[in-house]
Amino acid sequence: GMSRVHGTLGKFGGLARAAGMAAVAGGAAIAGGFVAAIKAAANFEQQLNTFQAVSHATGKEMAKVSKLAKKMGADLSLPGTSAKDAAEALTELAKGGLSVNKAMGALKATLQLSAAAQIENARAAQIVSDALNGFGLKAKEATRVVDLLANAANATSGDIEQFADALQMSAAVAHQLGVPIEDLITMLGEMANA
């Protein structure tokens, strides 16, 4: 009888050890998740600090920027975009000479360009800020600019990067001559197909 009791206790002991190990492993996985979340939050905050240093945004503006970046990170139409990605794009738009409000207005189009052209957010921000600045356009025109570039790339043998480079080189002169961005991109498309 006693050996049967020891055997049963031994089985329970083994189960208890297995359960304990599973709990430790589960706890480690949860802790790892917390560590990843804390690192992501720290990276996001660091990126916001960089944006503030570049843009000289006020505390009130930074609250709006943080909220917008988090909203873009959660936007289902921007798969794979995190709040940190959005903050990085905002920083690059500010480096491109856009004001805080203009950068915020151009953010979604910039992230859409990045996804559509499969390019880095920094490059997409450079393309958008160059086009807006080159033609003296408002931030709300960013979506139109991105659409023009995407349509031109789809209709010709050129890609968005090539159109962006050509646009960067010719925008200021075209703008001074009164050539609208649509006409310039159309001309660039004709040259790409020539």
Protein backbone atom coordinates (compact mmCIF):
# COMPACT_ATOMS: atom_id res chain seq x y z
CA GLY A 1 0.00 0.00 0.00
CA MET A 2 2.71 2.48 0.96
CA SER A 3 4.65 2.06 -2.27
CA ARG A 4 1.46 2.79 -4.22
CA VAL A 5 1.02 6.02 -2.22
CA HIS A 6 4.65 7.01 -2.92
CA GLY A 7 4.11 6.23 -6.62
CA THR A 8 0.99 8.39 -6.73
CA LEU A 9 2.75 11.20 -4.86
CA GLY A 10 5.66 10.86 -7.27
CA LYS A 11 3.31 11.31 -10.22
CA PHE A 12 1.76 14.38 -8.58
CA GLY A 13 5.26 15.71 -7.88
CA GLY A 14 6.18 15.27 -11.53
CA LEU A 15 2.96 17.02 -12.60
CA ALA A 16 3.61 19.81 -10.13
CA ARG A 17 7.18 20.25 -11.47
CA ALA A 18 5.88 20.26 -15.07
CA ALA A 19 3.18 22.76 -14.16
CA GLY A 20 5.74 24.89 -12.35
CA MET A 21 8.08 24.83 -15.34
CA ALA A 22 5.19 25.72 -17.67
CA ALA A 23 4.27 28.61 -15.38
CA VAL A 24 7.88 29.82 -15.38
CA ALA A 25 8.04 29.54 -19.19
CA GLY A 26 4.69 31.32 -19.54
CA GLY A 27 5.86 34.00 -17.13
CA ALA A 28 9.06 34.42 -19.15
CA ALA A 29 7.04 34.79 -22.35
CA ILE A 30 4.81 37.39 -20.72
CA ALA A 31 7.85 39.20 -19.30
CA GLY A 32 9.46 39.08 -22.76
CA GLY A 33 6.32 40.63 -24.20
CA PHE A 34 6.47 43.39 -21.60
CA VAL A 35 10.14 44.01 -22.37
CA ALA A 36 9.35 44.26 -26.10
CA ALA A 37 6.47 46.64 -25.39
CA ILE A 38 8.65 48.78 -23.14
CA LYS A 39 11.40 48.91 -25.79
CA ALA A 40 8.86 49.85 -28.49
CA ALA A 41 7.48 52.62 -26.28
CA ALA A 42 11.00 53.86 -25.53
CA ASN A 43 11.89 53.85 -29.25
CA PHE A 44 8.67 55.74 -30.02
CA GLU A 45 9.41 58.33 -27.31
CA GLN A 46 12.99 58.68 -28.57
CA GLN A 47 11.70 59.27 -32.10
CA LEU A 48 9.26 61.90 -30.81
CA ASN A 49 12.15 63.62 -29.02
CA THR A 50 14.08 63.67 -32.29
CA PHE A 51 11.07 65.14 -34.07
CA GLN A 52 10.77 67.86 -31.43
CA ALA A 53 14.47 68.70 -31.75
CA VAL A 54 14.21 68.95 -35.55
CA SER A 55 10.85 70.74 -35.74
CA HIS A 56 11.02 72.89 -32.58
CA ALA A 57 7.43 71.79 -31.85
CA THR A 58 5.78 73.14 -28.72
CA GLY A 59 4.50 70.86 -25.97
CA LYS A 60 0.95 71.32 -27.23
CA GLU A 61 2.01 70.43 -30.80
CA MET A 62 3.90 67.38 -29.52
CA ALA A 63 0.73 66.07 -27.86
CA LYS A 64 -1.02 66.29 -31.25
CA VAL A 65 1.95 64.71 -33.04
CA SER A 66 2.06 61.80 -30.57
CA LYS A 67 -1.67 61.20 -30.93
CA LEU A 68 -1.46 61.29 -34.75
CA ALA A 69 1.55 58.94 -34.85
CA LYS A 70 -0.27 56.43 -32.63
CA LYS A 71 -3.38 56.74 -34.83
CA MET A 72 -1.32 56.04 -37.99
CA GLY A 73 0.35 53.08 -36.25
CA ALA A 74 -3.10 51.61 -35.59
CA ASP A 75 -4.52 52.47 -39.05
CA LEU A 76 -5.52 49.23 -40.80
CA SER A 77 -5.06 50.86 -44.22
CA LEU A 78 -1.33 51.15 -43.39
CA PRO A 79 -0.35 47.54 -42.64
CA GLY A 80 3.05 47.09 -41.04
CA THR A 81 3.24 50.74 -39.94
CA SER A 82 3.97 51.37 -36.28
CA ALA A 83 3.62 54.57 -34.29
CA LYS A 84 7.44 54.77 -34.36
CA ASP A 85 7.39 54.51 -38.17
CA ALA A 86 4.92 57.39 -38.28
CA ALA A 87 7.10 59.45 -35.92
CA GLU A 88 10.15 58.73 -38.13
CA ALA A 89 8.25 59.89 -41.22
CA LEU A 90 7.17 63.05 -39.40
CA THR A 91 10.80 63.71 -38.47
CA GLU A 92 11.91 63.32 -42.08
CA LEU A 93 9.12 65.63 -43.28
CA ALA A 94 10.30 68.23 -40.75
CA LYS A 95 13.91 67.76 -41.94
CA GLY A 96 12.57 68.46 -45.43
CA GLY A 97 11.49 71.90 -44.26
CA LEU A 98 7.82 71.23 -43.51
CA SER A 99 6.29 72.92 -40.48
CA VAL A 100 4.80 70.79 -37.71
CA ASN A 101 1.27 71.24 -39.08
CA LYS A 102 2.34 70.67 -42.67
CA ALA A 103 4.24 67.51 -41.68
CA MET A 104 1.16 66.24 -39.84
CA GLY A 105 -0.98 66.97 -42.89
CA ALA A 106 1.37 65.11 -45.23
CA LEU A 107 1.97 62.11 -42.95
CA LYS A 108 -0.66 59.64 -44.17
CA ALA A 109 0.16 60.21 -47.84
CA THR A 110 3.86 59.75 -47.02
CA LEU A 111 3.19 56.42 -45.29
CA GLN A 112 0.97 55.34 -48.19
CA LEU A 113 3.77 56.18 -50.65
CA SER A 114 6.24 54.21 -48.57
CA ALA A 115 3.97 51.15 -48.63
CA ALA A 116 3.00 51.44 -52.30
CA ALA A 117 6.53 51.99 -53.59
CA GLN A 118 8.07 49.61 -51.03
CA ILE A 119 10.57 52.27 -49.96
CA GLU A 120 11.75 53.47 -46.57
CA ASN A 121 9.60 56.04 -44.76
CA ALA A 122 12.52 58.48 -44.82
CA ARG A 123 12.74 58.27 -48.62
CA ALA A 124 8.97 58.66 -48.99
CA ALA A 125 9.08 61.72 -46.71
CA GLN A 126 11.89 63.22 -48.78
CA ILE A 127 9.89 62.68 -51.99
CA VAL A 128 6.74 64.25 -50.55
CA SER A 129 8.50 67.22 -48.95
CA ASP A 130 10.53 67.89 -52.14
CA ALA A 131 7.37 67.91 -54.26
CA LEU A 132 5.37 70.07 -51.85
CA ASN A 133 8.24 72.53 -51.41
CA GLY A 134 9.19 72.55 -55.10
CA PHE A 135 5.70 73.51 -56.18
CA GLY A 136 4.74 75.55 -53.12
CA LEU A 137 1.86 73.16 -52.37
CA LYS A 138 -0.06 72.80 -49.12
CA ALA A 139 0.20 69.63 -47.03
CA LYS A 140 -3.35 68.62 -47.99
CA GLU A 141 -2.04 68.24 -51.56
CA ALA A 142 0.33 65.43 -50.49
CA THR A 143 -2.19 62.71 -51.35
CA ARG A 144 -2.64 64.19 -54.83
CA VAL A 145 1.15 64.28 -55.33
CA VAL A 146 1.49 60.65 -54.22
CA ASP A 147 -1.38 59.63 -56.51
CA LEU A 148 0.21 61.46 -59.45
CA LEU A 149 3.54 59.71 -58.89
CA ALA A 150 1.92 56.29 -58.48
CA ASN A 151 -0.25 56.73 -61.57
CA ALA A 152 2.72 57.88 -63.64
CA ALA A 153 4.81 54.91 -62.49
CA ASN A 154 1.96 52.51 -63.25
CA ALA A 155 1.34 53.98 -66.72
CA THR A 156 4.98 54.11 -67.83
CA SER A 157 8.20 52.16 -67.70
CA GLY A 158 9.52 54.38 -64.88
CA ASP A 159 9.18 53.69 -61.17
CA ILE A 160 8.21 56.05 -58.37
CA GLU A 161 11.83 56.58 -57.30
CA GLN A 162 12.82 57.63 -60.85
CA PHE A 163 9.87 60.01 -61.09
CA ALA A 164 10.69 61.43 -57.67
CA ASP A 165 14.31 62.07 -58.67
CA ALA A 166 13.27 63.72 -61.94
CA LEU A 167 10.64 65.75 -60.12
CA GLN A 168 13.17 66.92 -57.55
CA MET A 169 15.50 68.13 -60.29
CA SER A 170 12.84 69.92 -62.31
CA ALA A 171 10.16 71.08 -59.83
CA ALA A 172 11.61 74.48 -58.96
CA VAL A 173 12.10 75.50 -62.60
CA ALA A 174 8.71 74.14 -63.65
CA HIS A 175 7.04 75.99 -60.78
CA GLN A 176 8.81 79.26 -61.73
CA LEU A 177 7.59 78.81 -65.32
CA GLY A 178 4.03 78.19 -64.11
CA VAL A 179 3.94 74.54 -65.18
CA PRO A 180 1.55 72.62 -62.89
CA ILE A 181 2.80 69.46 -61.21
CA GLU A 182 0.35 67.32 -63.22
CA ASP A 183 1.81 68.59 -66.51
CA LEU A 184 5.39 68.11 -65.35
CA ILE A 185 4.72 64.52 -64.23
CA THR A 186 2.95 63.84 -67.55
CA MET A 187 6.00 65.18 -69.44
CA LEU A 188 8.31 63.06 -67.29
CA GLY A 189 6.12 60.04 -68.08
CA GLU A 190 6.41 60.74 -71.82
CA MET A 191 10.20 60.90 -71.47
CA ALA A 192 10.22 57.65 -69.45
CA ASN A 193 8.40 55.90 -72.30
CA ALA A 194 10.55 57.45 -75.06
